[in-house]
Amino acid sequence: RTATTAGTSSSPANPDGREPVPGRLDRAGSIGVHMSAEDDHPYPSVPTRVDLPATERALLDRWERQRTFERSIENRADAPEYVFNDGPPFANGLPHYGHLLTGYVKDVIPRYRTMRGYKVERNFGWDCHGLPAEMQTEQELGVSGRVAITDFGIDRFNDACRTSVMRYTREWERYVTRQARWVDFVNDYKTMDLDYMESVIWAFKQLWDKGLVYEAYRVMPYSWGAETPLSNFEIRLDDATRPRQDPALTVAFVVDPDASTSLPEPLAGAPGEVEVWAWTTTPWTLPSNLALAVGPEVDYVVVEVTDGPRAGRRVVLGANAVARYERELGEEHRVVATLPGSALAEVRYRPMFPYFEGHADSFRVLVDEFVSDDDGTGVVHMAPGFGEDDQRVCEAAGIELVVPVDDSGRFTREVRDYEGQNVFDANPQIIRDLKERGTVVRHDTYDHNYPHCWRTDTPIIYKAVSSWYVEVTAIRDRLVELNQQINWIPSHVRDGQFGKWLEGARDWSISRNRFWGSPIPVWRSDDPEYPRLDVYGSLDEIERDFGVRPDDLHRPTVDELVRPNPDDPTGRSTMRRVPEVFDCWFESGSMPFAQAHYPFENAEWVEAHVPADFIVEYIAQTRGWFYTQ
């Protein structure tokens, strides 16, 4: 036979049709090889094009037929273990290149450790609960929002979530296997399994018993698209924070001399109205304004305006802000006084909108260290229902917050002129109304990075809601300390992206006002005259008090567990579960022990194998799964 890389007899490489000399270069520079038909060891017939996918499939078939992966674990039964934890993807979508990329690392390191003699189990896992599953189900069913889902039926909605969430498991298995990754899909874990969920509520009970869980009504990131609060780290995932244009208004609040018990002399002796200018990038919060804030050490000036539309008035703003407002103050403006922010405390002003004009202790200037005059006017407009600092400062001053925005981000009837409008859609109308009244000093467009909901892609708002928190701040120093024991690759992540995140970690909102998830295991008396709170950490504890052992911890089954309040001698009040479910990140972060149904099973194994020897995910999970573990 003849095997050659030279051309045919008519090719330029062999124009005279002669056989090439064995072992020598032909005219085209290729090596020609001659073999006789009698040769005992001829070369196999090789196709001109190699079918690499066929070669790979043949290898995968051989691995499956010979149980190569399973045997690599079975034949190391007595070997030391190398523990690998696999982060759970959402199963209601197909894998993308990011999953495949990290999948290679998840395969290479365990193979290497196996070759070094370790037993390396690799159990796949599924993140089944949370917004990804609910958002897809809403689209499929054509129902959206808390009211619509409740009317549709929580049981029907969650049944649809349960069906939808594992839709692509076969495709995931095919993709992962096709990339030659060895992983156990048979002994996988699912966050929606009863055993897993029991471990999750056990973890909550442990935190509760340690005094690390509390309920609070506070301002936090809120997704009006998903109608639920979000954690601070969720608004920093991937590209959740990205450029956005918003209107920026400088508005004038008019000092009320009759309501102010005492005014600094430059204000008391003013010949005309005195205005305090404030700057905001959220005009939709102005109808909820209840106070203004200044910095105690910041210098403020009283400027007399002598020309333009505001002639005859005096204006209060930060000394460093005057240069930014030269045009609005007019060419002939004159600074008549300079005073510290502390001198402006308790100055009263007239409400900009009438909706809350009778609200107690409101419409006065407060003083707090968080205020600076680095941008804007050096005066902050305070709507305590929609700002974290606003809430803190106003509550300290005895001002109760108001929240005239509903779950879907629309104004309620309290703000009658904009009732039913989404707050972002209402911005233009609010601005027009204020301009007609002469309240707007300047209207700009503000380009800034703004957080969006990671699942609905809607811009978030900050809104006061009730939520359950883990008091991370109480254990933050310990987190920082333990992080030093982790071998991060690349090494700069330890003290950089992850370390700095831990140093600034805040209390974690772990509850969601949603439907498909593990339940917050708290039952509360429905009569505040007979208060009682019960927290459960196991099915045994639930069965002990309710006489029923649940075979499903999902809503609405778990919500139907009620009992008389033992602390109510009248027998009329009832213990009912709070409506929230867990943040799905709380569940995935519980994976190291919940996958083994700890502490109800496998306690000895878990205590000997936690923490893991190796985990890997992409960099943004430093604020996600790495952190929640």
Foldseek 3Di string as FASTA:
>chain_A
DWDWPDDACVDPQNVNRDQDDAQDATPVRTHTHDDDPPDPDDDDDDDPDDPVLVVLVVVLVVCVVVVVLVVLQVVLVPWAAFEEDEFADFQLDADDVQCVVVLVVVAPVVVVVSVVRHRYAAAYEHLQFDDVLLVVLCVVVVAFDDVRCVVVPLVVSQVSSVVNRNPCVVVNVVVSVSSVGDHDHPLHYYCQAPLLLLQLLLVVVVLVVVVQKDKDWAWAWAALRRLKGDWPLQLVFDQLWFKDKFKKFKFWWWFDVVPFPDAPPVQVPQPDIETEIFMDRQLLLLQLFWEKEAAQAFKKWWKAACDDPQHSYIYIFTPVCCVVCVVLSDPPIDTDDIDGRVNQFFGATQRPDDLCRVFPPTRGYYYDNVFDVPDTGRMHTAQRFFDRVSVVRCVVSVGDHDFQADSNQAGPCSRVVRGPHRSRVCVVVSVVVCVVVVGTSDMDMDIDTFGARPNSRHGITIGTDMFMWRQLVVCLVVVLVVLVVDCDVVNCCSCPVLNVCSVPPGITGWWILDFTAAAQQWWWKPDVVQTDIDRDSRQVVLCVVQVDRDSGRGPPVVQPRKDFDPRDPVRPIMTGGDRIHTRSLLSSLSPLASSQSPPVPPVVVSVVCPPGNDYDRDDSCSSGNVVSD
